[in-house]
């Protein structure tokens, strides 16, 4: 698989779903990938990347940003409140707003800094104990609370349970977004992004299908 293959499949899925070309943003998930693999994708012209950890991004992306123009960086992993200010410096969008304390911290720092990254609320659609995110039953109230903090929420994000049909979770996320007037849907990964696009995904997060299997220390 390659970047071109994934782009071709996204375009086909957009067409099959009656979506306009280019309506789905591909986030190349570069977490724990060696720098040479990331540079190869940058050399192909791709500029939208996702990282799971603030610390890893801080060690990787300032250098790439000096060498390549137009990089857009998305935080797709959990954000500790004490790393929020650093996340503001590194990321254009945060996909993992998942609790009131973090929302309040983001709101405070946004006031101090005079700007704020794009924000997605993570919904724990599978209600899994080990996974971050607002429970579906609490999502409407949390969206309201975030808006009361003057936070502009672009959309919702989910990571379906690995042993369940992902389209059920994508459909649930889309319903929550629709009733709250949110247009952004960050859903779909290497194995299921086509079904996510069929159900309205605006951002798909694809890693191993672009870079190959991740390397761990």
N, C-alpha and C. Protein backbone atom coordinates (compact mmCIF):
# COMPACT_ATOMS: atom_id res chain seq x y z
N UNK A 1 0.85 -1.19 0.00
CA UNK A 1 0.00 0.00 0.00
C UNK A 1 0.89 1.24 0.00
N UNK A 2 0.36 2.34 -0.48
CA UNK A 2 1.13 3.57 -0.54
C UNK A 2 0.19 4.76 -0.38
N UNK A 3 0.79 5.95 -0.25
CA UNK A 3 -0.01 7.17 -0.17
C UNK A 3 -0.93 7.29 -1.38
N UNK A 4 -0.39 7.05 -2.56
CA UNK A 4 -1.20 7.19 -3.78
C UNK A 4 -2.38 6.21 -3.77
N UNK A 5 -2.13 4.96 -3.32
CA UNK A 5 -3.21 3.96 -3.26
C UNK A 5 -4.33 4.44 -2.34
N UNK A 6 -3.95 4.97 -1.18
CA UNK A 6 -4.96 5.43 -0.21
C UNK A 6 -5.73 6.62 -0.78
N UNK A 7 -5.03 7.55 -1.40
CA UNK A 7 -5.70 8.72 -2.00
C UNK A 7 -6.69 8.27 -3.08
N UNK A 8 -6.30 7.27 -3.86
CA UNK A 8 -7.18 6.75 -4.91
C UNK A 8 -8.42 6.10 -4.31
N UNK A 9 -8.24 5.34 -3.22
CA UNK A 9 -9.37 4.68 -2.57
C UNK A 9 -10.30 5.70 -1.90
N UNK A 10 -9.73 6.76 -1.33
CA UNK A 10 -10.56 7.81 -0.73
C UNK A 10 -11.41 8.48 -1.81
N UNK A 11 -10.78 8.79 -2.95
CA UNK A 11 -11.52 9.43 -4.05
C UNK A 11 -12.66 8.54 -4.54
N UNK A 12 -12.40 7.24 -4.63
CA UNK A 12 -13.44 6.29 -5.07
C UNK A 12 -14.56 6.22 -4.04
N UNK A 13 -14.20 6.23 -2.74
CA UNK A 13 -15.22 6.17 -1.68
C UNK A 13 -16.06 7.44 -1.66
N UNK A 14 -15.42 8.59 -1.90
CA UNK A 14 -16.17 9.85 -1.99
C UNK A 14 -17.20 9.76 -3.13
N UNK A 15 -16.75 9.27 -4.27
CA UNK A 15 -17.63 9.17 -5.44
C UNK A 15 -18.79 8.21 -5.17
N UNK A 16 -18.48 7.05 -4.58
CA UNK A 16 -19.51 6.05 -4.28
C UNK A 16 -20.56 6.60 -3.31
N UNK A 17 -20.12 7.49 -2.40
CA UNK A 17 -21.04 8.04 -1.39
C UNK A 17 -21.74 9.30 -1.88
N UNK A 18 -21.46 9.69 -3.12
CA UNK A 18 -22.06 10.92 -3.65
C UNK A 18 -21.50 12.17 -3.01
N UNK A 19 -20.28 12.06 -2.50
CA UNK A 19 -19.63 13.20 -1.86
C UNK A 19 -18.79 13.94 -2.90
N UNK A 20 -18.58 15.23 -2.66
CA UNK A 20 -17.77 16.00 -3.61
C UNK A 20 -16.29 15.62 -3.48
N UNK A 21 -15.54 15.63 -4.59
CA UNK A 21 -14.12 15.28 -4.53
C UNK A 21 -13.37 16.20 -3.58
N UNK A 22 -12.52 15.60 -2.76
CA UNK A 22 -11.73 16.40 -1.83
C UNK A 22 -12.45 16.77 -0.55
N UNK A 23 -13.65 16.21 -0.33
CA UNK A 23 -14.39 16.56 0.89
C UNK A 23 -13.87 15.81 2.11
N UNK A 24 -13.03 14.80 1.90
CA UNK A 24 -12.46 14.04 3.01
C UNK A 24 -10.97 14.36 3.12
N UNK A 25 -10.56 14.73 4.34
CA UNK A 25 -9.16 15.07 4.58
C UNK A 25 -8.42 13.82 5.08
N UNK A 26 -7.31 13.50 4.44
CA UNK A 26 -6.50 12.35 4.85
C UNK A 26 -5.44 12.79 5.85
N UNK A 27 -5.53 12.26 7.07
CA UNK A 27 -4.50 12.50 8.08
C UNK A 27 -3.57 11.29 8.07
N UNK A 28 -2.33 11.51 7.66
CA UNK A 28 -1.32 10.44 7.66
C UNK A 28 -0.77 10.30 9.08
N UNK A 29 -1.07 9.17 9.72
CA UNK A 29 -0.71 8.99 11.13
C UNK A 29 0.75 8.53 11.21
N UNK A 30 1.59 9.46 11.66
CA UNK A 30 3.04 9.25 11.62
C UNK A 30 3.62 8.86 12.97
N UNK A 31 2.76 8.57 13.96
CA UNK A 31 3.28 8.21 15.29
C UNK A 31 4.19 6.99 15.20
N UNK A 32 5.25 7.05 15.98
CA UNK A 32 6.32 6.02 16.06
C UNK A 32 6.81 5.53 14.69
N UNK A 33 6.72 6.37 13.69
CA UNK A 33 7.31 6.05 12.39
C UNK A 33 8.69 6.71 12.32
N UNK A 34 9.67 6.01 11.73
CA UNK A 34 10.99 6.62 11.58
C UNK A 34 10.93 7.84 10.68
N UNK A 35 11.81 8.80 10.95
CA UNK A 35 11.76 10.07 10.23
C UNK A 35 11.91 9.91 8.72
N UNK A 36 12.67 8.90 8.28
CA UNK A 36 12.86 8.76 6.83
C UNK A 36 11.55 8.37 6.14
N UNK A 37 10.71 7.59 6.81
CA UNK A 37 9.41 7.25 6.22
C UNK A 37 8.51 8.49 6.14
N UNK A 38 8.54 9.31 7.20
CA UNK A 38 7.74 10.53 7.20
C UNK A 38 8.23 11.47 6.11
N UNK A 39 9.55 11.62 5.98
CA UNK A 39 10.12 12.50 4.96
C UNK A 39 9.73 12.03 3.56
N UNK A 40 9.65 10.72 3.35
CA UNK A 40 9.28 10.19 2.03
C UNK A 40 7.85 10.60 1.67
N UNK A 41 6.95 10.59 2.66
CA UNK A 41 5.56 10.99 2.41
C UNK A 41 5.48 12.51 2.19
N UNK A 42 6.26 13.26 2.95
CA UNK A 42 6.35 14.71 2.72
C UNK A 42 6.87 15.00 1.31
N UNK A 43 7.85 14.23 0.88
CA UNK A 43 8.42 14.44 -0.47
C UNK A 43 7.40 14.15 -1.57
N UNK A 44 6.42 13.30 -1.26
CA UNK A 44 5.35 13.02 -2.23
C UNK A 44 4.32 14.15 -2.28
N UNK A 45 4.46 15.10 -1.37
CA UNK A 45 3.57 16.27 -1.40
C UNK A 45 2.49 16.30 -0.34
N UNK A 46 2.40 15.24 0.48
CA UNK A 46 1.36 15.24 1.52
C UNK A 46 1.79 16.14 2.68
N UNK A 47 0.82 16.84 3.28
CA UNK A 47 1.17 17.82 4.32
C UNK A 47 0.34 17.68 5.60
N UNK A 48 -0.60 16.75 5.67
CA UNK A 48 -1.48 16.64 6.83
C UNK A 48 -1.14 15.36 7.59
N UNK A 49 -0.70 15.52 8.84
CA UNK A 49 -0.19 14.40 9.62
C UNK A 49 -0.83 14.35 11.00
N UNK A 50 -0.84 13.15 11.58
CA UNK A 50 -1.39 12.97 12.92
C UNK A 50 -0.38 12.34 13.85
N UNK A 51 -0.33 12.83 15.07
CA UNK A 51 0.55 12.28 16.11
C UNK A 51 -0.28 11.97 17.35
N UNK A 52 0.17 10.97 18.11
CA UNK A 52 -0.54 10.55 19.31
C UNK A 52 -0.06 11.25 20.57
N UNK A 53 1.21 11.65 20.57
CA UNK A 53 1.78 12.17 21.80
C UNK A 53 2.47 13.52 21.56
N UNK A 54 2.23 14.45 22.47
CA UNK A 54 2.82 15.78 22.36
C UNK A 54 4.34 15.68 22.36
N UNK A 55 4.88 14.84 23.24
CA UNK A 55 6.33 14.73 23.39
C UNK A 55 7.00 14.27 22.10
N UNK A 56 6.42 13.24 21.48
CA UNK A 56 6.99 12.72 20.23
C UNK A 56 6.92 13.76 19.12
N UNK A 57 5.78 14.45 19.06
CA UNK A 57 5.62 15.49 18.02
C UNK A 57 6.64 16.61 18.20
N UNK A 58 6.90 16.96 19.47
CA UNK A 58 7.85 18.05 19.76
C UNK A 58 9.26 17.69 19.30
N UNK A 59 9.58 16.41 19.32
CA UNK A 59 10.92 15.99 18.90
C UNK A 59 11.06 15.79 17.40
N UNK A 60 9.96 15.81 16.68
CA UNK A 60 9.97 15.46 15.26
C UNK A 60 9.61 16.63 14.35
N UNK A 61 8.55 17.38 14.68
CA UNK A 61 7.94 18.27 13.70
C UNK A 61 8.55 19.66 13.55
N UNK A 62 9.14 20.26 14.59
CA UNK A 62 9.78 21.56 14.36
C UNK A 62 10.82 21.51 13.23
N UNK A 63 11.58 20.43 13.19
CA UNK A 63 12.60 20.29 12.13
C UNK A 63 11.95 20.12 10.77
N UNK A 64 10.92 19.26 10.69
CA UNK A 64 10.22 19.09 9.41
C UNK A 64 9.59 20.40 8.94
N UNK A 65 9.07 21.18 9.87
CA UNK A 65 8.42 22.44 9.50
C UNK A 65 9.43 23.44 8.93
N UNK A 66 10.67 23.32 9.35
CA UNK A 66 11.70 24.20 8.77
C UNK A 66 12.02 23.80 7.34
N UNK A 67 11.87 22.52 7.04
CA UNK A 67 12.24 22.00 5.72
C UNK A 67 11.09 21.96 4.72
N UNK A 68 9.85 21.88 5.22
CA UNK A 68 8.69 21.74 4.34
C UNK A 68 7.65 22.78 4.72
N UNK A 69 7.11 23.46 3.71
CA UNK A 69 6.07 24.46 3.97
C UNK A 69 4.69 23.81 4.01
N UNK A 70 3.80 24.45 4.78
CA UNK A 70 2.38 24.08 4.73
C UNK A 70 1.98 22.85 5.51
N UNK A 71 2.81 22.42 6.47
CA UNK A 71 2.46 21.24 7.26
C UNK A 71 1.31 21.57 8.20
N UNK A 72 0.36 20.63 8.28
CA UNK A 72 -0.78 20.75 9.18
C UNK A 72 -0.74 19.53 10.11
N UNK A 73 -0.67 19.80 11.41
CA UNK A 73 -0.46 18.72 12.38
C UNK A 73 -1.68 18.54 13.28
N UNK A 74 -2.12 17.29 13.42
CA UNK A 74 -3.30 16.95 14.21
C UNK A 74 -2.90 16.06 15.38
N UNK A 75 -3.35 16.41 16.58
CA UNK A 75 -3.16 15.55 17.75
C UNK A 75 -4.36 14.61 17.83
N UNK A 76 -4.10 13.31 17.69
CA UNK A 76 -5.19 12.34 17.67
C UNK A 76 -5.17 11.43 18.89
N UNK A 77 -4.18 11.62 19.76
CA UNK A 77 -4.10 10.84 20.99
C UNK A 77 -4.49 11.68 22.19
N UNK A 78 -4.55 11.05 23.38
CA UNK A 78 -4.98 11.76 24.58
C UNK A 78 -4.05 12.91 24.94
N UNK A 79 -4.63 13.97 25.47
CA UNK A 79 -3.87 15.16 25.85
C UNK A 79 -3.93 15.35 27.36
N UNK A 80 -2.76 15.32 28.00
CA UNK A 80 -2.68 15.64 29.42
C UNK A 80 -2.84 17.15 29.59
N UNK A 81 -3.55 17.56 30.64
CA UNK A 81 -3.78 18.99 30.81
C UNK A 81 -2.47 19.77 30.94
N UNK A 82 -1.44 19.17 31.54
CA UNK A 82 -0.18 19.90 31.72
C UNK A 82 0.62 20.03 30.43
N UNK A 83 0.14 19.38 29.36
CA UNK A 83 0.81 19.51 28.04
C UNK A 83 0.00 20.40 27.09
N UNK A 84 -1.05 21.02 27.60
CA UNK A 84 -1.97 21.76 26.72
C UNK A 84 -1.28 22.94 26.05
N UNK A 85 -0.50 23.72 26.82
CA UNK A 85 0.14 24.89 26.21
C UNK A 85 1.13 24.47 25.12
N UNK A 86 1.86 23.40 25.39
CA UNK A 86 2.79 22.89 24.37
C UNK A 86 2.02 22.41 23.13
N UNK A 87 0.86 21.81 23.35
CA UNK A 87 0.04 21.35 22.22
C UNK A 87 -0.41 22.52 21.36
N UNK A 88 -0.70 23.66 21.99
CA UNK A 88 -1.08 24.86 21.24
C UNK A 88 0.04 25.29 20.28
N UNK A 89 1.28 25.11 20.71
CA UNK A 89 2.43 25.53 19.89
C UNK A 89 2.64 24.59 18.71
N UNK A 90 2.30 23.32 18.89
CA UNK A 90 2.64 22.30 17.90
C UNK A 90 1.52 21.96 16.91
N UNK A 91 0.27 21.95 17.41
CA UNK A 91 -0.81 21.34 16.64
C UNK A 91 -1.79 22.37 16.09
N UNK A 92 -2.25 22.09 14.88
CA UNK A 92 -3.29 22.91 14.26
C UNK A 92 -4.68 22.48 14.71
N UNK A 93 -4.82 21.19 15.03
CA UNK A 93 -6.11 20.64 15.45
C UNK A 93 -5.90 19.59 16.52
N UNK A 94 -6.79 19.59 17.53
CA UNK A 94 -6.78 18.59 18.60
C UNK A 94 -8.06 17.78 18.48
N UNK A 95 -7.91 16.46 18.30
CA UNK A 95 -9.07 15.60 18.08
C UNK A 95 -9.56 14.92 19.35
N UNK A 96 -8.92 15.18 20.49
CA UNK A 96 -9.15 14.36 21.68
C UNK A 96 -9.57 15.18 22.91
N UNK A 97 -10.46 16.15 22.70
CA UNK A 97 -11.06 16.86 23.83
C UNK A 97 -12.06 15.90 24.47
N UNK A 98 -11.76 15.44 25.68
CA UNK A 98 -12.50 14.28 26.20
C UNK A 98 -12.97 14.41 27.64
N UNK A 99 -12.80 15.61 28.26
CA UNK A 99 -13.23 15.73 29.66
C UNK A 99 -13.33 17.21 30.02
N UNK A 100 -14.17 17.54 31.00
CA UNK A 100 -14.37 18.95 31.37
C UNK A 100 -13.09 19.67 31.78
N UNK A 101 -12.23 19.01 32.55
CA UNK A 101 -11.00 19.68 33.01
C UNK A 101 -10.15 20.12 31.83
N UNK A 102 -10.03 19.27 30.82
CA UNK A 102 -9.24 19.62 29.64
C UNK A 102 -9.89 20.76 28.87
N UNK A 103 -11.21 20.71 28.74
CA UNK A 103 -11.92 21.79 28.03
C UNK A 103 -11.68 23.13 28.71
N UNK A 104 -11.74 23.15 30.04
CA UNK A 104 -11.51 24.39 30.78
C UNK A 104 -10.07 24.88 30.62
N UNK A 105 -9.12 23.96 30.62
CA UNK A 105 -7.72 24.33 30.43
C UNK A 105 -7.49 24.91 29.03
N UNK A 106 -8.07 24.27 28.01
CA UNK A 106 -7.95 24.79 26.64
C UNK A 106 -8.55 26.19 26.55
N UNK A 107 -9.72 26.37 27.16
CA UNK A 107 -10.39 27.68 27.12
C UNK A 107 -9.53 28.76 27.78
N UNK A 108 -8.93 28.43 28.91
CA UNK A 108 -8.10 29.41 29.63
C UNK A 108 -6.87 29.78 28.80
N UNK A 109 -6.20 28.78 28.24
CA UNK A 109 -4.98 29.05 27.46
C UNK A 109 -5.32 29.77 26.16
N UNK A 110 -6.47 29.44 25.57
CA UNK A 110 -6.90 30.14 24.35
C UNK A 110 -7.08 31.63 24.63
N UNK A 111 -7.65 31.95 25.79
CA UNK A 111 -7.81 33.36 26.17
C UNK A 111 -6.44 34.04 26.33
N UNK A 112 -5.52 33.34 26.97
CA UNK A 112 -4.19 33.90 27.21
C UNK A 112 -3.39 34.06 25.92
N UNK A 113 -3.51 33.07 25.03
CA UNK A 113 -2.70 33.06 23.81
C UNK A 113 -3.35 33.86 22.67
N UNK A 114 -4.66 34.04 22.76
CA UNK A 114 -5.35 34.76 21.69
C UNK A 114 -5.62 33.93 20.45
N UNK A 115 -5.44 32.65 20.56
CA UNK A 115 -5.76 31.74 19.44
C UNK A 115 -6.04 30.36 20.01
N UNK A 116 -6.62 29.50 19.19
CA UNK A 116 -6.94 28.14 19.64
C UNK A 116 -6.87 27.19 18.46
N UNK A 117 -6.29 26.00 18.65
CA UNK A 117 -6.33 25.01 17.57
C UNK A 117 -7.78 24.62 17.26
N UNK A 118 -7.99 24.01 16.11
CA UNK A 118 -9.29 23.41 15.84
C UNK A 118 -9.55 22.31 16.86
N UNK A 119 -10.80 22.12 17.26
CA UNK A 119 -11.12 21.18 18.33
C UNK A 119 -12.18 20.17 17.91
N UNK A 120 -11.90 18.91 18.18
CA UNK A 120 -12.87 17.82 18.04
C UNK A 120 -13.07 17.17 19.41
N UNK A 121 -14.29 16.82 19.73
CA UNK A 121 -14.59 16.11 20.97
C UNK A 121 -14.53 14.61 20.70
N UNK A 122 -13.77 13.90 21.54
CA UNK A 122 -13.70 12.45 21.40
C UNK A 122 -14.85 11.80 22.15
N UNK A 123 -15.62 10.97 21.43
CA UNK A 123 -16.75 10.25 22.02
C UNK A 123 -16.39 8.78 22.11
N UNK A 124 -16.56 8.22 23.29
CA UNK A 124 -16.27 6.80 23.53
C UNK A 124 -17.52 6.00 23.14
N UNK A 125 -17.70 5.82 21.83
CA UNK A 125 -18.93 5.22 21.31
C UNK A 125 -19.14 3.79 21.80
N UNK A 126 -18.05 3.08 22.08
CA UNK A 126 -18.16 1.71 22.56
C UNK A 126 -18.27 1.61 24.07
N UNK A 127 -18.24 2.76 24.74
CA UNK A 127 -18.32 2.81 26.21
C UNK A 127 -17.31 1.86 26.85
N UNK A 128 -16.08 1.90 26.33
CA UNK A 128 -15.02 1.01 26.81
C UNK A 128 -14.28 1.66 27.98
N UNK A 129 -14.10 0.89 29.06
CA UNK A 129 -13.47 1.43 30.27
C UNK A 129 -12.05 1.93 30.01
N UNK A 130 -11.33 1.24 29.13
CA UNK A 130 -9.91 1.57 28.93
C UNK A 130 -9.70 2.70 27.92
N UNK A 131 -10.78 3.18 27.33
CA UNK A 131 -10.65 4.16 26.25
C UNK A 131 -11.13 5.54 26.70
N UNK A 132 -10.42 6.56 26.28
CA UNK A 132 -10.81 7.94 26.60
C UNK A 132 -12.04 8.33 25.81
N UNK A 133 -12.66 9.42 26.22
CA UNK A 133 -13.79 9.95 25.48
C UNK A 133 -15.02 10.15 26.35
N UNK A 134 -15.85 11.08 25.91
CA UNK A 134 -17.13 11.34 26.55
C UNK A 134 -18.11 10.22 26.18
N UNK A 135 -18.88 9.75 27.14
CA UNK A 135 -19.88 8.72 26.82
C UNK A 135 -20.98 9.32 25.93
N UNK A 136 -21.54 8.52 25.03
CA UNK A 136 -22.56 9.05 24.12
C UNK A 136 -23.70 9.77 24.84
N UNK A 137 -24.12 9.23 25.99
CA UNK A 137 -25.23 9.84 26.73
C UNK A 137 -24.88 11.22 27.28
N UNK A 138 -23.59 11.48 27.44
CA UNK A 138 -23.13 12.76 28.01
C UNK A 138 -22.67 13.75 26.94
N UNK A 139 -22.66 13.32 25.68
CA UNK A 139 -22.04 14.12 24.63
C UNK A 139 -22.76 15.46 24.39
N UNK A 140 -24.09 15.45 24.34
CA UNK A 140 -24.83 16.69 24.08
C UNK A 140 -24.51 17.75 25.13
N UNK A 141 -24.53 17.33 26.41
CA UNK A 141 -24.28 18.27 27.50
C UNK A 141 -22.84 18.79 27.45
N UNK A 142 -21.90 17.91 27.11
CA UNK A 142 -20.49 18.33 27.05
C UNK A 142 -20.26 19.32 25.90
N UNK A 143 -20.89 19.07 24.77
CA UNK A 143 -20.78 20.01 23.64
C UNK A 143 -21.31 21.38 24.07
N UNK A 144 -22.45 21.39 24.75
CA UNK A 144 -23.03 22.65 25.25
C UNK A 144 -22.08 23.34 26.21
N UNK A 145 -21.47 22.57 27.11
CA UNK A 145 -20.53 23.14 28.09
C UNK A 145 -19.31 23.74 27.40
N UNK A 146 -18.79 23.05 26.38
CA UNK A 146 -17.64 23.57 25.64
C UNK A 146 -17.98 24.89 24.95
N UNK A 147 -19.15 24.95 24.37
CA UNK A 147 -19.58 26.19 23.70
C UNK A 147 -19.76 27.31 24.72
N UNK A 148 -20.20 26.98 25.93
CA UNK A 148 -20.36 28.00 26.98
C UNK A 148 -18.99 28.55 27.40
N UNK A 149 -17.93 27.78 27.16
CA UNK A 149 -16.56 28.23 27.45
C UNK A 149 -15.98 29.03 26.29
N UNK A 150 -16.80 29.33 25.29
CA UNK A 150 -16.35 30.04 24.08
C UNK A 150 -15.40 29.21 23.23
N UNK A 151 -15.49 27.90 23.34
CA UNK A 151 -14.69 27.02 22.48
C UNK A 151 -15.48 26.72 21.21
N UNK A 152 -14.82 26.86 20.08
CA UNK A 152 -15.44 26.52 18.80
C UNK A 152 -15.14 25.05 18.50
N UNK A 153 -16.17 24.23 18.57
CA UNK A 153 -16.01 22.79 18.32
C UNK A 153 -16.30 22.52 16.85
N UNK A 154 -15.31 21.93 16.16
CA UNK A 154 -15.46 21.64 14.73
C UNK A 154 -16.23 20.35 14.48
N UNK A 155 -16.06 19.39 15.42
CA UNK A 155 -16.70 18.11 15.17
C UNK A 155 -16.41 17.11 16.26
N UNK A 156 -16.65 15.83 15.93
CA UNK A 156 -16.50 14.73 16.88
C UNK A 156 -15.54 13.68 16.32
N UNK A 157 -14.93 12.95 17.24
CA UNK A 157 -13.99 11.89 16.87
C UNK A 157 -14.34 10.62 17.62
N UNK A 158 -14.14 9.46 16.98
CA UNK A 158 -14.29 8.19 17.71
C UNK A 158 -13.30 7.17 17.21
N UNK A 159 -13.04 6.18 18.08
CA UNK A 159 -12.23 5.01 17.75
C UNK A 159 -13.08 3.80 18.12
N UNK A 160 -13.72 3.14 17.15
CA UNK A 160 -14.61 2.02 17.49
C UNK A 160 -13.86 0.86 18.15
N UNK A 161 -14.56 0.05 18.96
CA UNK A 161 -13.94 -1.17 19.50
C UNK A 161 -13.47 -2.07 18.37
N UNK A 162 -12.34 -2.73 18.61
CA UNK A 162 -11.74 -3.51 17.51
C UNK A 162 -12.58 -4.74 17.15
N UNK A 163 -13.44 -5.19 18.07
CA UNK A 163 -14.18 -6.43 17.82
C UNK A 163 -15.65 -6.18 17.47
N UNK A 164 -15.98 -4.94 17.10
CA UNK A 164 -17.36 -4.64 16.72
C UNK A 164 -17.40 -4.01 15.33
N UNK A 165 -18.57 -4.08 14.71
CA UNK A 165 -18.75 -3.50 13.37
C UNK A 165 -18.57 -1.99 13.46
N UNK A 166 -17.53 -1.44 12.80
CA UNK A 166 -17.27 -0.01 12.97
C UNK A 166 -18.36 0.91 12.46
N UNK A 167 -19.10 0.48 11.43
CA UNK A 167 -20.11 1.37 10.85
C UNK A 167 -21.21 1.72 11.85
N UNK A 168 -21.48 0.84 12.82
CA UNK A 168 -22.46 1.16 13.86
C UNK A 168 -21.99 2.36 14.69
N UNK A 169 -20.71 2.40 14.95
CA UNK A 169 -20.12 3.49 15.75
C UNK A 169 -20.03 4.77 14.93
N UNK A 170 -19.69 4.63 13.65
CA UNK A 170 -19.64 5.81 12.77
C UNK A 170 -21.04 6.44 12.66
N UNK A 171 -22.05 5.58 12.54
CA UNK A 171 -23.42 6.07 12.41
C UNK A 171 -23.86 6.79 13.69
N UNK A 172 -23.51 6.23 14.85
CA UNK A 172 -23.84 6.87 16.13
C UNK A 172 -23.17 8.23 16.24
N UNK A 173 -21.88 8.30 15.88
CA UNK A 173 -21.15 9.57 15.96
C UNK A 173 -21.78 10.61 15.04
N UNK A 174 -22.16 10.19 13.84
CA UNK A 174 -22.77 11.12 12.87
C UNK A 174 -24.09 11.66 13.40
N UNK A 175 -24.88 10.81 14.08
CA UNK A 175 -26.16 11.27 14.64
C UNK A 175 -25.95 12.30 15.74
N UNK A 176 -24.97 12.06 16.61
CA UNK A 176 -24.69 13.02 17.69
C UNK A 176 -24.23 14.35 17.09
N UNK A 177 -23.37 14.27 16.07
CA UNK A 177 -22.87 15.49 15.42
C UNK A 177 -24.02 16.26 14.77
N UNK A 178 -24.89 15.54 14.07
CA UNK A 178 -25.97 16.20 13.33
C UNK A 178 -26.91 16.96 14.26
N UNK A 179 -27.28 16.33 15.36
CA UNK A 179 -28.25 16.99 16.24
C UNK A 179 -27.63 18.15 17.02
N UNK A 180 -26.30 18.24 17.00
CA UNK A 180 -25.62 19.36 17.66
C UNK A 180 -25.06 20.37 16.66
N UNK A 181 -25.42 20.20 15.39
CA UNK A 181 -25.00 21.17 14.38
C UNK A 181 -23.51 21.17 14.10
N UNK A 182 -22.88 19.99 14.22
CA UNK A 182 -21.44 19.87 13.97
C UNK A 182 -21.20 19.19 12.64
N UNK A 183 -20.29 19.74 11.85
CA UNK A 183 -20.06 19.20 10.51
C UNK A 183 -18.86 18.25 10.44
N UNK A 184 -17.94 18.34 11.41
CA UNK A 184 -16.72 17.55 11.34
C UNK A 184 -16.88 16.17 11.95
N UNK A 185 -16.41 15.15 11.24
CA UNK A 185 -16.43 13.78 11.75
C UNK A 185 -15.07 13.14 11.50
N UNK A 186 -14.31 12.98 12.58
CA UNK A 186 -12.98 12.36 12.50
C UNK A 186 -13.16 10.89 12.84
N UNK A 187 -13.25 10.07 11.81
CA UNK A 187 -13.51 8.64 12.03
C UNK A 187 -13.05 7.85 10.82
N UNK A 188 -12.61 6.64 11.10
CA UNK A 188 -12.10 5.77 10.04
C UNK A 188 -10.59 5.71 10.06
N UNK A 189 -10.08 4.46 10.03
CA UNK A 189 -8.63 4.23 10.03
C UNK A 189 -8.29 3.28 8.89
N UNK A 190 -7.07 2.75 8.91
CA UNK A 190 -6.59 1.97 7.77
C UNK A 190 -7.56 0.89 7.32
N UNK A 191 -8.20 0.20 8.27
CA UNK A 191 -9.03 -0.95 7.91
C UNK A 191 -10.47 -0.64 7.59
N UNK A 192 -10.92 0.59 7.88
CA UNK A 192 -12.36 0.84 7.76
C UNK A 192 -12.71 2.24 7.23
N UNK A 193 -11.75 2.93 6.63
CA UNK A 193 -12.02 4.33 6.27
C UNK A 193 -13.07 4.46 5.17
N UNK A 194 -13.20 3.45 4.32
CA UNK A 194 -14.22 3.56 3.26
C UNK A 194 -15.63 3.57 3.82
N UNK A 195 -15.89 2.72 4.84
CA UNK A 195 -17.23 2.74 5.44
C UNK A 195 -17.44 4.03 6.24
N UNK A 196 -16.37 4.58 6.79
CA UNK A 196 -16.48 5.87 7.49
C UNK A 196 -16.86 6.99 6.52
N UNK A 197 -16.25 6.97 5.35
CA UNK A 197 -16.56 7.99 4.32
C UNK A 197 -18.02 7.86 3.88
N UNK A 198 -18.49 6.62 3.73
CA UNK A 198 -19.89 6.40 3.34
C UNK A 198 -20.86 6.98 4.37
N UNK A 199 -20.41 7.07 5.63
CA UNK A 199 -21.27 7.57 6.71
C UNK A 199 -20.95 9.00 7.10
N UNK A 200 -20.14 9.69 6.27
CA UNK A 200 -19.97 11.12 6.46
C UNK A 200 -18.66 11.60 7.01
N UNK A 201 -17.66 10.74 7.14
CA UNK A 201 -16.36 11.18 7.69
C UNK A 201 -15.81 12.37 6.90
N UNK A 202 -15.30 13.35 7.63
CA UNK A 202 -14.61 14.47 7.00
C UNK A 202 -13.10 14.35 7.15
N UNK A 203 -12.66 13.56 8.13
CA UNK A 203 -11.24 13.31 8.38
C UNK A 203 -11.05 11.82 8.62
N UNK A 204 -10.16 11.18 7.86
CA UNK A 204 -9.81 9.78 8.12
C UNK A 204 -8.35 9.72 8.54
N UNK A 205 -8.05 8.81 9.48
CA UNK A 205 -6.73 8.74 10.09
C UNK A 205 -6.08 7.42 9.66
N UNK A 206 -5.13 7.50 8.74
CA UNK A 206 -4.55 6.29 8.15
C UNK A 206 -3.04 6.29 8.40
N UNK A 207 -2.56 5.22 9.03
CA UNK A 207 -1.13 5.13 9.34
C UNK A 207 -0.44 4.00 8.62
N UNK A 208 -0.67 2.76 9.10
CA UNK A 208 0.09 1.62 8.60
C UNK A 208 -0.11 1.39 7.11
N UNK A 209 -1.27 1.71 6.57
CA UNK A 209 -1.52 1.49 5.14
C UNK A 209 -0.71 2.46 4.27
N UNK A 210 -0.23 3.54 4.87
CA UNK A 210 0.63 4.49 4.13
C UNK A 210 2.10 4.21 4.41
N UNK A 211 2.43 4.05 5.68
CA UNK A 211 3.85 3.99 6.08
C UNK A 211 4.38 2.57 6.20
N UNK A 212 3.50 1.56 6.26
CA UNK A 212 3.92 0.24 6.65
C UNK A 212 3.71 0.08 8.15
N UNK A 213 3.95 -1.11 8.65
CA UNK A 213 3.73 -1.36 10.08
C UNK A 213 4.60 -0.46 10.92
N UNK A 214 4.02 -0.01 12.05
CA UNK A 214 4.76 0.89 12.93
C UNK A 214 5.92 0.16 13.60
N UNK A 215 6.99 0.91 13.84
CA UNK A 215 8.15 0.36 14.54
C UNK A 215 8.10 0.82 15.99
N UNK A 216 8.22 -0.12 16.90
CA UNK A 216 8.24 0.20 18.33
C UNK A 216 9.63 -0.03 18.88
N UNK A 217 9.95 0.75 19.89
CA UNK A 217 11.26 0.59 20.53
C UNK A 217 11.34 -0.76 21.23
